[in-house]
Amino acid sequence: MKKYAFLFPGQGAQVPGMIKDICEAYPEARKVVDEVTKITGVDMPKLLWESDQAELSRSDNSQLAITTASLAVMKVLETKGIKPSAAMGFSLGEFPALYAAGVLSFEDVIKVVRQRGLIMQATCENIAKANEGHAPGMTAVIGLSPDQVSKLADGIKDAYAANLNSPVQTVVSGTADALTELEAKAKEAGARRALRLAVAGPFHSPLMQEAADNFEKAIADVEFKDPSITLFSNVTGAQATSGAEVKKNAVLHLTHPVRWTDEEKVLNDLMAADKDNEWCLIEPGVGKVLSGLWAKSGFGEERTCADVNSAETLANY
């Protein structure tokens, strides 16, 4: 029997025109887009298909757009009889994963993501104003292990390992001065590249505490149910088993690193132990970042992850 694990992409995957071909080919996908418009009051067709890259990249826009894309593709896969038995998401991608696992209702996940995007955008704008011309951000270090990069960051004030992406790629959040120091030390340690990223803020670090505090208030009255399928957490890098744990981690998520390499290992161990079923990995929505990270994880030779982000790729199912 086939089982599916869904890996949901995070912020940064957005592109102008995203999922337009899917919505034209599959009415059920377009219905998801229209439902999001009704819930939020945001003109989603205009946002998805008429925005330029700069507008779409704002946290308040990209988070809603990417979540909508993931849910639309998931709905099409569902009509083809494909539902996940396990789910995990990278950063923002945790929220469509929460819907897939039955933790949040459709309406609640859209409302929560909308609030999260608005809160994070406001925090990033506050940080930028307070540090004009010298704003905190993120740097991708390529060619060193996560442990090496974490140790370098630990030795620098206001530098934090934020995204443990793969055995050779780790992203660090920090102040501008901290990142400059980190980049120099990473190159001294043998990194192939240390690249400052074009992002709005120092995500997944203590520098986002203001956003975490406001988000905690925003979701105080939202019900998080226990997961109905296997669900993994960025915060712990392990399986999440209760709605209470998931809700707590949703807040910690904003100030704690994404332990993606740990999640990949736990997922791979689960699939390898399940001798009775054939597991398939799908990245639903937009982009193929997670498929690429899986290929470099050390587990990709045995089992690949398919990006499902177009009408053409959906037609394969």
C-alpha atoms as a PDB file:
ATOM      1  CA  MET A   1       0.000   0.000   0.000  1.00  0.00           C
ATOM      2  CA  LYS A   2       1.191   3.520  -0.823  1.00  0.00           C
ATOM      3  CA  LYS A   3       1.501   6.105   1.912  1.00  0.00           C
ATOM      4  CA  TYR A   4       2.326   9.760   1.439  1.00  0.00           C
ATOM      5  CA  ALA A   5       4.335  12.284   3.428  1.00  0.00           C
ATOM      6  CA  PHE A   6       3.682  15.931   2.550  1.00  0.00           C
ATOM      7  CA  LEU A   7       6.509  18.468   2.990  1.00  0.00           C
ATOM      8  CA  PHE A   8       5.130  22.016   2.830  1.00  0.00           C
ATOM      9  CA  PRO A   9       7.343  24.900   1.613  1.00  0.00           C
ATOM     10  CA  GLY A  10       7.971  28.082   3.556  1.00  0.00           C
ATOM     11  CA  GLN A  11       8.347  31.797   2.965  1.00  0.00           C
ATOM     12  CA  GLY A  12      10.590  32.556   0.011  1.00  0.00           C
ATOM     13  CA  ALA A  13       8.913  30.068  -2.315  1.00  0.00           C
ATOM     14  CA  GLN A  14       6.502  32.691  -3.672  1.00  0.00           C
ATOM     15  CA  VAL A  15       6.608  33.723  -7.353  1.00  0.00           C
ATOM     16  CA  PRO A  16       4.314  36.009  -9.362  1.00  0.00           C
ATOM     17  CA  GLY A  17       1.623  34.014 -11.175  1.00  0.00           C
ATOM     18  CA  MET A  18       1.868  31.107  -8.723  1.00  0.00           C
ATOM     19  CA  ILE A  19      -0.659  28.249  -9.184  1.00  0.00           C
ATOM     20  CA  LYS A  20      -2.566  30.117 -11.938  1.00  0.00           C
ATOM     21  CA  ASP A  21      -2.287  27.143 -14.311  1.00  0.00           C
ATOM     22  CA  ILE A  22      -3.504  24.828 -11.535  1.00  0.00           C
ATOM     23  CA  CYS A  23      -6.559  26.982 -10.823  1.00  0.00           C
ATOM     24  CA  GLU A  24      -7.375  27.110 -14.542  1.00  0.00           C
ATOM     25  CA  ALA A  25      -7.139  23.320 -14.834  1.00  0.00           C
ATOM     26  CA  TYR A  26      -8.767  22.351 -11.525  1.00  0.00           C
ATOM     27  CA  PRO A  27     -11.928  24.163 -10.298  1.00  0.00           C
ATOM     28  CA  GLU A  28     -11.418  22.760  -6.786  1.00  0.00           C
ATOM     29  CA  ALA A  29      -8.110  24.658  -6.548  1.00  0.00           C
ATOM     30  CA  ARG A  30      -9.765  27.905  -7.657  1.00  0.00           C
ATOM     31  CA  LYS A  31     -12.456  27.322  -5.039  1.00  0.00           C
ATOM     32  CA  VAL A  32      -9.760  27.274  -2.325  1.00  0.00           C
ATOM     33  CA  VAL A  33      -8.421  30.620  -3.581  1.00  0.00           C
ATOM     34  CA  ASP A  34     -11.912  32.134  -3.522  1.00  0.00           C
ATOM     35  CA  GLU A  35     -12.567  30.794  -0.007  1.00  0.00           C
ATOM     36  CA  VAL A  36      -9.399  32.491   1.252  1.00  0.00           C
ATOM     37  CA  THR A  37     -10.612  35.755  -0.287  1.00  0.00           C
ATOM     38  CA  LYS A  38     -13.921  35.394   1.586  1.00  0.00           C
ATOM     39  CA  ILE A  39     -12.248  34.636   4.936  1.00  0.00           C
ATOM     40  CA  THR A  40      -9.604  37.385   4.804  1.00  0.00           C
ATOM     41  CA  GLY A  41     -11.077  40.078   2.546  1.00  0.00           C
ATOM     42  CA  VAL A  42      -7.823  39.962   0.549  1.00  0.00           C
ATOM     43  CA  ASP A  43      -8.260  39.759  -3.244  1.00  0.00           C
ATOM     44  CA  MET A  44      -6.304  36.514  -3.623  1.00  0.00           C
ATOM     45  CA  PRO A  45      -6.451  36.226  -7.453  1.00  0.00           C
ATOM     46  CA  LYS A  46      -4.987  39.741  -7.662  1.00  0.00           C
ATOM     47  CA  LEU A  47      -2.341  38.985  -5.019  1.00  0.00           C
ATOM     48  CA  LEU A  48      -1.317  35.669  -6.561  1.00  0.00           C
ATOM     49  CA  TRP A  49      -1.405  36.619 -10.232  1.00  0.00           C
ATOM     50  CA  GLU A  50      -0.992  40.393 -10.538  1.00  0.00           C
ATOM     51  CA  SER A  51       1.549  41.234  -7.795  1.00  0.00           C
ATOM     52  CA  ASP A  52       5.188  41.833  -8.601  1.00  0.00           C
ATOM     53  CA  GLN A  53       7.935  40.059  -6.676  1.00  0.00           C
ATOM     54  CA  ALA A  54       8.454  42.934  -4.225  1.00  0.00           C
ATOM     55  CA  GLU A  55       4.797  43.097  -3.194  1.00  0.00           C
ATOM     56  CA  LEU A  56       4.475  39.330  -3.027  1.00  0.00           C
ATOM     57  CA  SER A  57       7.601  39.054  -0.853  1.00  0.00           C
ATOM     58  CA  ARG A  58       6.188  41.087   2.044  1.00  0.00           C
ATOM     59  CA  SER A  59       5.537  38.766   4.999  1.00  0.00           C
ATOM     60  CA  ASP A  60       1.881  39.790   5.176  1.00  0.00           C
ATOM     61  CA  ASN A  61       1.426  38.803   1.511  1.00  0.00           C
ATOM     62  CA  SER A  62       3.812  35.885   0.999  1.00  0.00           C
ATOM     63  CA  GLN A  63       2.619  33.876   4.003  1.00  0.00           C
ATOM     64  CA  LEU A  64      -1.008  33.998   2.894  1.00  0.00           C
ATOM     65  CA  ALA A  65      -0.110  33.345  -0.755  1.00  0.00           C
ATOM     66  CA  ILE A  66       2.108  30.326  -0.069  1.00  0.00           C
ATOM     67  CA  THR A  67      -0.371  28.782   2.368  1.00  0.00           C
ATOM     68  CA  THR A  68      -3.184  29.231  -0.170  1.00  0.00           C
ATOM     69  CA  ALA A  69      -1.074  27.566  -2.859  1.00  0.00           C
ATOM     70  CA  SER A  70      -0.258  24.591  -0.639  1.00  0.00           C
ATOM     71  CA  LEU A  71      -3.885  24.114   0.386  1.00  0.00           C
ATOM     72  CA  ALA A  72      -5.088  24.406  -3.220  1.00  0.00           C
ATOM     73  CA  VAL A  73      -2.669  21.723  -4.427  1.00  0.00           C
ATOM     74  CA  MET A  74      -3.525  19.534  -1.435  1.00  0.00           C
ATOM     75  CA  LYS A  75      -7.227  19.798  -2.334  1.00  0.00           C
ATOM     76  CA  VAL A  76      -6.530  18.651  -5.911  1.00  0.00           C
ATOM     77  CA  LEU A  77      -4.449  15.724  -4.655  1.00  0.00           C
ATOM     78  CA  GLU A  78      -7.290  14.807  -2.298  1.00  0.00           C
ATOM     79  CA  THR A  79      -9.721  14.584  -5.228  1.00  0.00           C
ATOM     80  CA  LYS A  80      -7.248  12.158  -6.814  1.00  0.00           C
ATOM     81  CA  GLY A  81      -7.356   9.982  -3.683  1.00  0.00           C
ATOM     82  CA  ILE A  82      -4.003  11.152  -2.327  1.00  0.00           C
ATOM     83  CA  LYS A  83      -3.952  12.159   1.351  1.00  0.00           C
ATOM     84  CA  PRO A  84      -0.942  12.421   3.668  1.00  0.00           C
ATOM     85  CA  SER A  85      -0.190   9.942   6.434  1.00  0.00           C
ATOM     86  CA  ALA A  86       2.582  12.252   7.669  1.00  0.00           C
ATOM     87  CA  ALA A  87       3.138  15.987   7.342  1.00  0.00           C
ATOM     88  CA  MET A  88       5.783  18.570   8.104  1.00  0.00           C
ATOM     89  CA  GLY A  89       6.431  22.083   6.901  1.00  0.00           C
ATOM     90  CA  PHE A  90       9.424  24.372   6.696  1.00  0.00           C
ATOM     91  CA  SER A  91       8.829  27.465   8.832  1.00  0.00           C
ATOM     92  CA  LEU A  92       5.549  28.945   7.509  1.00  0.00           C
ATOM     93  CA  GLY A  93       4.921  25.544   5.897  1.00  0.00           C
ATOM     94  CA  GLU A  94       4.073  24.181   9.338  1.00  0.00           C
ATOM     95  CA  PHE A  95       0.662  25.846   9.075  1.00  0.00           C
ATOM     96  CA  PRO A  96      -0.671  23.992   6.014  1.00  0.00           C
ATOM     97  CA  ALA A  97       0.812  20.916   7.720  1.00  0.00           C
ATOM     98  CA  LEU A  98      -1.362  21.688  10.760  1.00  0.00           C
ATOM     99  CA  TYR A  99      -4.415  21.768   8.514  1.00  0.00           C
ATOM    100  CA  ALA A 100      -3.360  18.502   6.836  1.00  0.00           C
ATOM    101  CA  ALA A 101      -3.063  16.912  10.288  1.00  0.00           C
ATOM    102  CA  GLY A 102      -6.475  18.162  11.439  1.00  0.00           C
ATOM    103  CA  VAL A 103      -4.964  20.417  14.107  1.00  0.00           C
ATOM    104  CA  LEU A 104      -6.533  23.577  12.643  1.00  0.00           C
ATOM    105  CA  SER A 105      -9.710  23.950  10.591  1.00  0.00           C
ATOM    106  CA  PHE A 106      -9.488  25.516   7.124  1.00  0.00           C
ATOM    107  CA  GLU A 107     -10.916  28.813   8.343  1.00  0.00           C
ATOM    108  CA  ASP A 108      -8.689  28.896  11.420  1.00  0.00           C
ATOM    109  CA  VAL A 109      -5.480  28.129   9.546  1.00  0.00           C
ATOM    110  CA  ILE A 110      -6.183  30.956   7.098  1.00  0.00           C
ATOM    111  CA  LYS A 111      -7.010  33.409   9.899  1.00  0.00           C
ATOM    112  CA  VAL A 112      -3.936  32.371  11.904  1.00  0.00           C
ATOM    113  CA  VAL A 113      -1.580  32.673   8.928  1.00  0.00           C
ATOM    114  CA  ARG A 114      -3.063  36.068   8.061  1.00  0.00           C
ATOM    115  CA  GLN A 115      -2.389  37.307  11.591  1.00  0.00           C
ATOM    116  CA  ARG A 116       1.086  35.777  11.639  1.00  0.00           C
ATOM    117  CA  GLY A 117       2.029  37.505   8.393  1.00  0.00           C
ATOM    118  CA  LEU A 118       0.741  40.893   9.560  1.00  0.00           C
ATOM    119  CA  ILE A 119       2.499  40.582  12.916  1.00  0.00           C
ATOM    120  CA  MET A 120       5.824  39.522  11.422  1.00  0.00           C
ATOM    121  CA  GLN A 121       5.688  42.277   8.800  1.00  0.00           C
ATOM    122  CA  ALA A 122       5.035  44.897  11.503  1.00  0.00           C
ATOM    123  CA  THR A 123       7.911  43.587  13.626  1.00  0.00           C
ATOM    124  CA  CYS A 124      10.282  43.634  10.641  1.00  0.00           C
ATOM    125  CA  GLU A 125       9.277  47.225   9.857  1.00  0.00           C
ATOM    126  CA  ASN A 126       9.879  48.228  13.492  1.00  0.00           C
ATOM    127  CA  ILE A 127      13.301  46.571  13.423  1.00  0.00           C
ATOM    128  CA  ALA A 128      14.190  48.331  10.171  1.00  0.00           C
ATOM    129  CA  LYS A 129      13.167  51.752  11.561  1.00  0.00           C
ATOM    130  CA  ALA A 130      15.173  51.215  14.738  1.00  0.00           C
ATOM    131  CA  ASN A 131      18.257  50.177  12.753  1.00  0.00           C
ATOM    132  CA  GLU A 132      17.996  52.386   9.678  1.00  0.00           C
ATOM    133  CA  GLY A 133      20.563  51.366   7.084  1.00  0.00           C
ATOM    134  CA  HIS A 134      21.872  48.710   9.444  1.00  0.00           C
ATOM    135  CA  ALA A 135      18.972  46.305   9.909  1.00  0.00           C
ATOM    136  CA  PRO A 136      19.328  42.732  11.227  1.00  0.00           C
ATOM    137  CA  GLY A 137      18.853  39.907   8.751  1.00  0.00           C
ATOM    138  CA  MET A 138      19.995  36.418   7.784  1.00  0.00           C
ATOM    139  CA  THR A 139      23.082  34.814   6.207  1.00  0.00           C
ATOM    140  CA  ALA A 140      23.248  31.404   4.528  1.00  0.00           C
ATOM    141  CA  VAL A 141      26.449  29.484   5.238  1.00  0.00           C
ATOM    142  CA  ILE A 142      27.241  26.777   2.686  1.00  0.00           C
ATOM    143  CA  GLY A 143      29.905  24.128   3.053  1.00  0.00           C
ATOM    144  CA  LEU A 144      30.009  23.723   6.838  1.00  0.00           C
ATOM    145  CA  SER A 145      27.999  21.357   9.033  1.00  0.00           C
ATOM    146  CA  PRO A 146      25.115  22.651  11.168  1.00  0.00           C
ATOM    147  CA  ASP A 147      27.204  21.943  14.293  1.00  0.00           C
ATOM    148  CA  GLN A 148      30.113  23.989  12.966  1.00  0.00           C
ATOM    149  CA  VAL A 149      27.888  26.941  12.105  1.00  0.00           C
ATOM    150  CA  SER A 150      25.998  26.741  15.415  1.00  0.00           C
ATOM    151  CA  LYS A 151      29.286  26.850  17.331  1.00  0.00           C
ATOM    152  CA  LEU A 152      30.445  29.876  15.335  1.00  0.00           C
ATOM    153  CA  ALA A 153      27.139  31.666  16.019  1.00  0.00           C
ATOM    154  CA  ASP A 154      27.287  30.799  19.724  1.00  0.00           C
ATOM    155  CA  GLY A 155      30.571  32.681  19.954  1.00  0.00           C
ATOM    156  CA  ILE A 156      29.173  35.891  18.439  1.00  0.00           C
ATOM    157  CA  LYS A 157      26.838  38.263  20.292  1.00  0.00           C
ATOM    158  CA  ASP A 158      23.404  38.514  18.599  1.00  0.00           C
ATOM    159  CA  ALA A 159      24.056  35.733  16.062  1.00  0.00           C
ATOM    160  CA  TYR A 160      21.766  32.693  16.091  1.00  0.00           C
ATOM    161  CA  ALA A 161      21.638  29.510  13.993  1.00  0.00           C
ATOM    162  CA  ALA A 162      18.112  29.819  12.591  1.00  0.00           C
ATOM    163  CA  ASN A 163      17.525  27.287   9.799  1.00  0.00           C
ATOM    164  CA  LEU A 164      19.318  23.930   9.925  1.00  0.00           C
ATOM    165  CA  ASN A 165      18.567  23.190   6.276  1.00  0.00           C
ATOM    166  CA  SER A 166      20.914  20.393   5.268  1.00  0.00           C
ATOM    167  CA  PRO A 167      24.227  18.766   6.227  1.00  0.00           C
ATOM    168  CA  VAL A 168      26.024  21.537   4.289  1.00  0.00           C
ATOM    169  CA  GLN A 169      23.672  24.538   4.590  1.00  0.00           C
ATOM    170  CA  THR A 170      22.713  26.506   7.696  1.00  0.00           C
ATOM    171  CA  VAL A 171      21.120  29.955   7.877  1.00  0.00           C
ATOM    172  CA  VAL A 172      22.071  32.349  10.683  1.00  0.00           C
ATOM    173  CA  SER A 173      19.956  35.268  11.939  1.00  0.00           C
ATOM    174  CA  GLY A 174      21.483  38.263  13.661  1.00  0.00           C
ATOM    175  CA  THR A 175      22.260  41.950  13.819  1.00  0.00           C
ATOM    176  CA  ALA A 176      24.116  43.433  10.856  1.00  0.00           C
ATOM    177  CA  ASP A 177      27.401  43.571  12.804  1.00  0.00           C
ATOM    178  CA  ALA A 178      26.981  40.014  14.077  1.00  0.00           C
ATOM    179  CA  LEU A 179      26.360  38.692  10.561  1.00  0.00           C
ATOM    180  CA  THR A 180      29.407  40.503   9.172  1.00  0.00           C
ATOM    181  CA  GLU A 181      31.545  38.857  11.863  1.00  0.00           C
ATOM    182  CA  LEU A 182      29.877  35.486  11.279  1.00  0.00           C
ATOM    183  CA  GLU A 183      30.495  35.637   7.524  1.00  0.00           C
ATOM    184  CA  ALA A 184      34.207  36.326   8.038  1.00  0.00           C
ATOM    185  CA  LYS A 185      34.612  33.521  10.579  1.00  0.00           C
ATOM    186  CA  ALA A 186      32.662  31.070   8.409  1.00  0.00           C
ATOM    187  CA  LYS A 187      34.991  31.700   5.483  1.00  0.00           C
ATOM    188  CA  GLU A 188      38.013  31.296   7.769  1.00  0.00           C
ATOM    189  CA  ALA A 189      36.560  27.949   8.872  1.00  0.00           C
ATOM    190  CA  GLY A 190      36.328  26.754   5.259  1.00  0.00           C
ATOM    191  CA  ALA A 191      32.789  27.648   4.178  1.00  0.00           C
ATOM    192  CA  ARG A 192      32.311  27.703   0.420  1.00  0.00           C
ATOM    193  CA  ARG A 193      29.961  30.666   0.678  1.00  0.00           C
ATOM    194  CA  ALA A 194      28.479  32.965   3.309  1.00  0.00           C
ATOM    195  CA  LEU A 195      25.677  34.811   1.579  1.00  0.00           C
ATOM    196  CA  ARG A 196      23.583  37.615   3.094  1.00  0.00           C
ATOM    197  CA  LEU A 197      19.938  36.926   2.241  1.00  0.00           C
ATOM    198  CA  ALA A 198      17.378  39.436   0.936  1.00  0.00           C
ATOM    199  CA  VAL A 199      14.873  38.905   3.770  1.00  0.00           C
ATOM    200  CA  ALA A 200      12.812  41.308   5.850  1.00  0.00           C
ATOM    201  CA  GLY A 201      14.130  40.322   9.257  1.00  0.00           C
ATOM    202  CA  PRO A 202      16.119  37.996  11.551  1.00  0.00           C
ATOM    203  CA  PHE A 203      13.579  35.159  11.503  1.00  0.00           C
ATOM    204  CA  HIS A 204      13.643  32.225  13.957  1.00  0.00           C
ATOM    205  CA  SER A 205      15.797  34.055  16.475  1.00  0.00           C
ATOM    206  CA  PRO A 206      15.310  35.881  19.806  1.00  0.00           C
ATOM    207  CA  LEU A 207      15.364  39.135  17.821  1.00  0.00           C
ATOM    208  CA  MET A 208      11.759  38.295  16.792  1.00  0.00           C
ATOM    209  CA  GLN A 209      10.473  38.208  20.399  1.00  0.00           C
ATOM    210  CA  GLU A 210       8.072  41.121  19.785  1.00  0.00           C
ATOM    211  CA  ALA A 211       6.373  39.107  17.027  1.00  0.00           C
ATOM    212  CA  ALA A 212       6.179  36.009  19.249  1.00  0.00           C
ATOM    213  CA  ASP A 213       4.523  37.967  22.063  1.00  0.00           C
ATOM    214  CA  ASN A 214       1.927  39.451  19.714  1.00  0.00           C
ATOM    215  CA  PHE A 215       1.283  36.146  17.956  1.00  0.00           C
ATOM    216  CA  GLU A 216       0.723  34.387  21.276  1.00  0.00           C
ATOM    217  CA  LYS A 217      -2.064  36.877  22.026  1.00  0.00           C
ATOM    218  CA  ALA A 218      -3.515  36.495  18.515  1.00  0.00           C
ATOM    219  CA  ILE A 219      -3.959  32.706  18.818  1.00  0.00           C
ATOM    220  CA  ALA A 220      -4.967  32.599  22.492  1.00  0.00           C
ATOM    221  CA  ASP A 221      -8.572  31.639  21.704  1.00  0.00           C
ATOM    222  CA  VAL A 222      -7.867  29.387  18.702  1.00  0.00           C
ATOM    223  CA  GLU A 223      -8.442  25.655  19.203  1.00  0.00           C
ATOM    224  CA  PHE A 224      -5.499  23.418  18.294  1.00  0.00           C
ATOM    225  CA  LYS A 225      -6.683  19.795  18.131  1.00  0.00           C
ATOM    226  CA  ASP A 226      -4.476  16.713  18.556  1.00  0.00           C
ATOM    227  CA  PRO A 227      -2.917  15.634  15.231  1.00  0.00           C
ATOM    228  CA  SER A 228      -4.858  12.969  13.310  1.00  0.00           C
ATOM    229  CA  ILE A 229      -1.767  11.885  11.336  1.00  0.00           C
ATOM    230  CA  THR A 230       1.973  11.854  12.064  1.00  0.00           C
ATOM    231  CA  LEU A 231       3.110  15.471  12.426  1.00  0.00           C
ATOM    232  CA  PHE A 232       6.587  16.890  12.976  1.00  0.00           C
ATOM    233  CA  SER A 233       7.758  20.095  14.656  1.00  0.00           C
ATOM    234  CA  ASN A 234      10.437  22.558  13.527  1.00  0.00           C
ATOM    235  CA  VAL A 235      11.002  23.570  17.149  1.00  0.00           C
ATOM    236  CA  THR A 236      11.830  20.090  18.476  1.00  0.00           C
ATOM    237  CA  GLY A 237      12.843  18.331  15.262  1.00  0.00           C
ATOM    238  CA  ALA A 238      10.634  15.452  16.416  1.00  0.00           C
ATOM    239  CA  GLN A 239       7.044  14.247  16.245  1.00  0.00           C
ATOM    240  CA  ALA A 240       4.364  16.451  17.825  1.00  0.00           C
ATOM    241  CA  THR A 241       1.590  14.474  19.515  1.00  0.00           C
ATOM    242  CA  SER A 242      -0.819  16.957  21.108  1.00  0.00           C
ATOM    243  CA  GLY A 243      -2.639  20.127  20.173  1.00  0.00           C
ATOM    244  CA  ALA A 244      -1.329  21.825  23.315  1.00  0.00           C
ATOM    245  CA  GLU A 245       2.269  21.081  22.299  1.00  0.00           C
ATOM    246  CA  VAL A 246       1.644  22.300  18.747  1.00  0.00           C
ATOM    247  CA  LYS A 247       0.100  25.569  19.971  1.00  0.00           C
ATOM    248  CA  LYS A 248       3.029  26.215  22.314  1.00  0.00           C
ATOM    249  CA  ASN A 249       5.505  25.486  19.522  1.00  0.00           C
ATOM    250  CA  ALA A 250       3.656  27.785  17.100  1.00  0.00           C
ATOM    251  CA  VAL A 251       4.744  30.695  19.315  1.00  0.00           C
ATOM    252  CA  LEU A 252       8.255  29.382  20.062  1.00  0.00           C
ATOM    253  CA  HIS A 253       8.629  28.872  16.312  1.00  0.00           C
ATOM    254  CA  LEU A 254       9.171  32.588  15.775  1.00  0.00           C
ATOM    255  CA  THR A 255      12.217  32.773  18.064  1.00  0.00           C
ATOM    256  CA  HIS A 256      13.643  29.245  17.759  1.00  0.00           C
ATOM    257  CA  PRO A 257      15.554  27.545  14.925  1.00  0.00           C
ATOM    258  CA  VAL A 258      14.009  25.345  12.241  1.00  0.00           C
ATOM    259  CA  ARG A 259      15.473  21.880  12.919  1.00  0.00           C
ATOM    260  CA  TRP A 260      14.789  20.616   9.413  1.00  0.00           C
ATOM    261  CA  THR A 261      17.647  18.123   9.241  1.00  0.00           C
ATOM    262  CA  ASP A 262      16.395  16.500  12.463  1.00  0.00           C
ATOM    263  CA  GLU A 263      12.859  16.260  11.056  1.00  0.00           C
ATOM    264  CA  GLU A 264      14.115  14.691   7.841  1.00  0.00           C
ATOM    265  CA  LYS A 265      15.951  12.006   9.826  1.00  0.00           C
ATOM    266  CA  VAL A 266      12.922  11.228  12.015  1.00  0.00           C
ATOM    267  CA  LEU A 267      10.699  11.001   8.931  1.00  0.00           C
ATOM    268  CA  ASN A 268      13.196   8.779   7.138  1.00  0.00           C
ATOM    269  CA  ASP A 269      13.459   6.488  10.172  1.00  0.00           C
ATOM    270  CA  LEU A 270       9.659   6.213  10.303  1.00  0.00           C
ATOM    271  CA  MET A 271       9.448   5.298   6.617  1.00  0.00           C
ATOM    272  CA  ALA A 272      12.349   2.856   6.797  1.00  0.00           C
ATOM    273  CA  ALA A 273      10.735   1.054   9.763  1.00  0.00           C
ATOM    274  CA  ASP A 274       7.432   0.671   7.924  1.00  0.00           C
ATOM    275  CA  LYS A 275       8.179  -2.438   5.876  1.00  0.00           C
ATOM    276  CA  ASP A 276       4.522  -3.030   4.947  1.00  0.00           C
ATOM    277  CA  ASN A 277       4.003   0.154   2.939  1.00  0.00           C
ATOM    278  CA  GLU A 278       5.597   2.090   0.092  1.00  0.00           C
ATOM    279  CA  TRP A 279       6.162   5.701   1.130  1.00  0.00           C
ATOM    280  CA  CYS A 280       6.153   8.596  -1.339  1.00  0.00           C
ATOM    281  CA  LEU A 281       7.211  12.180  -0.540  1.00  0.00           C
ATOM    282  CA  ILE A 282       5.431  15.184  -2.046  1.00  0.00           C
ATOM    283  CA  GLU A 283       6.180  18.917  -1.793  1.00  0.00           C
ATOM    284  CA  PRO A 284       2.775  20.495  -2.569  1.00  0.00           C
ATOM    285  CA  GLY A 285       2.261  24.115  -3.524  1.00  0.00           C
ATOM    286  CA  VAL A 286       4.994  26.238  -5.076  1.00  0.00           C
ATOM    287  CA  GLY A 287       8.730  25.850  -5.627  1.00  0.00           C
ATOM    288  CA  LYS A 288      11.009  22.876  -5.056  1.00  0.00           C
ATOM    289  CA  VAL A 289      13.305  23.947  -2.222  1.00  0.00           C
ATOM    290  CA  LEU A 290      12.365  21.071   0.087  1.00  0.00           C
ATOM    291  CA  SER A 291      12.707  18.495  -2.678  1.00  0.00           C
ATOM    292  CA  GLY A 292      16.223  19.833  -3.201  1.00  0.00           C
ATOM    293  CA  LEU A 293      17.055  19.724   0.503  1.00  0.00           C
ATOM    294  CA  TRP A 294      15.765  16.143   0.718  1.00  0.00           C
ATOM    295  CA  ALA A 295      18.004  15.168  -2.199  1.00  0.00           C
ATOM    296  CA  LYS A 296      21.001  16.476  -0.203  1.00  0.00           C
ATOM    297  CA  SER A 297      19.868  15.010   3.119  1.00  0.00           C
ATOM    298  CA  GLY A 298      21.620  11.663   2.741  1.00  0.00           C
ATOM    299  CA  PHE A 299      18.247   9.917   2.372  1.00  0.00           C
ATOM    300  CA  GLY A 300      17.454  11.040  -1.174  1.00  0.00           C
ATOM    301  CA  GLU A 301      19.106   8.148  -2.966  1.00  0.00           C
ATOM    302  CA  GLU A 302      16.661   5.634  -1.565  1.00  0.00           C
ATOM    303  CA  ARG A 303      13.540   7.783  -1.844  1.00  0.00           C
ATOM    304  CA  THR A 304      13.023  11.053  -3.760  1.00  0.00           C
ATOM    305  CA  CYS A 305      10.662  13.929  -2.981  1.00  0.00           C
ATOM    306  CA  ALA A 306       8.459  15.109  -5.857  1.00  0.00           C
ATOM    307  CA  ASP A 307       7.617  18.810  -6.180  1.00  0.00           C
ATOM    308  CA  VAL A 308       3.959  19.195  -7.177  1.00  0.00           C
ATOM    309  CA  ASN A 309       3.618  22.833  -8.169  1.00  0.00           C
ATOM    310  CA  SER A 310       1.974  22.958 -11.616  1.00  0.00           C
ATOM    311  CA  ALA A 311      -0.905  21.518 -13.603  1.00  0.00           C
ATOM    312  CA  GLU A 312       1.686  19.425 -15.445  1.00  0.00           C
ATOM    313  CA  THR A 313       3.100  17.836 -12.277  1.00  0.00           C
ATOM    314  CA  LEU A 314      -0.414  17.275 -10.877  1.00  0.00           C
ATOM    315  CA  ALA A 315      -1.336  15.401 -14.056  1.00  0.00           C
ATOM    316  CA  ASN A 316       1.204  12.736 -13.039  1.00  0.00           C
ATOM    317  CA  TYR A 317      -1.109  11.619 -10.211  1.00  0.00           C
END
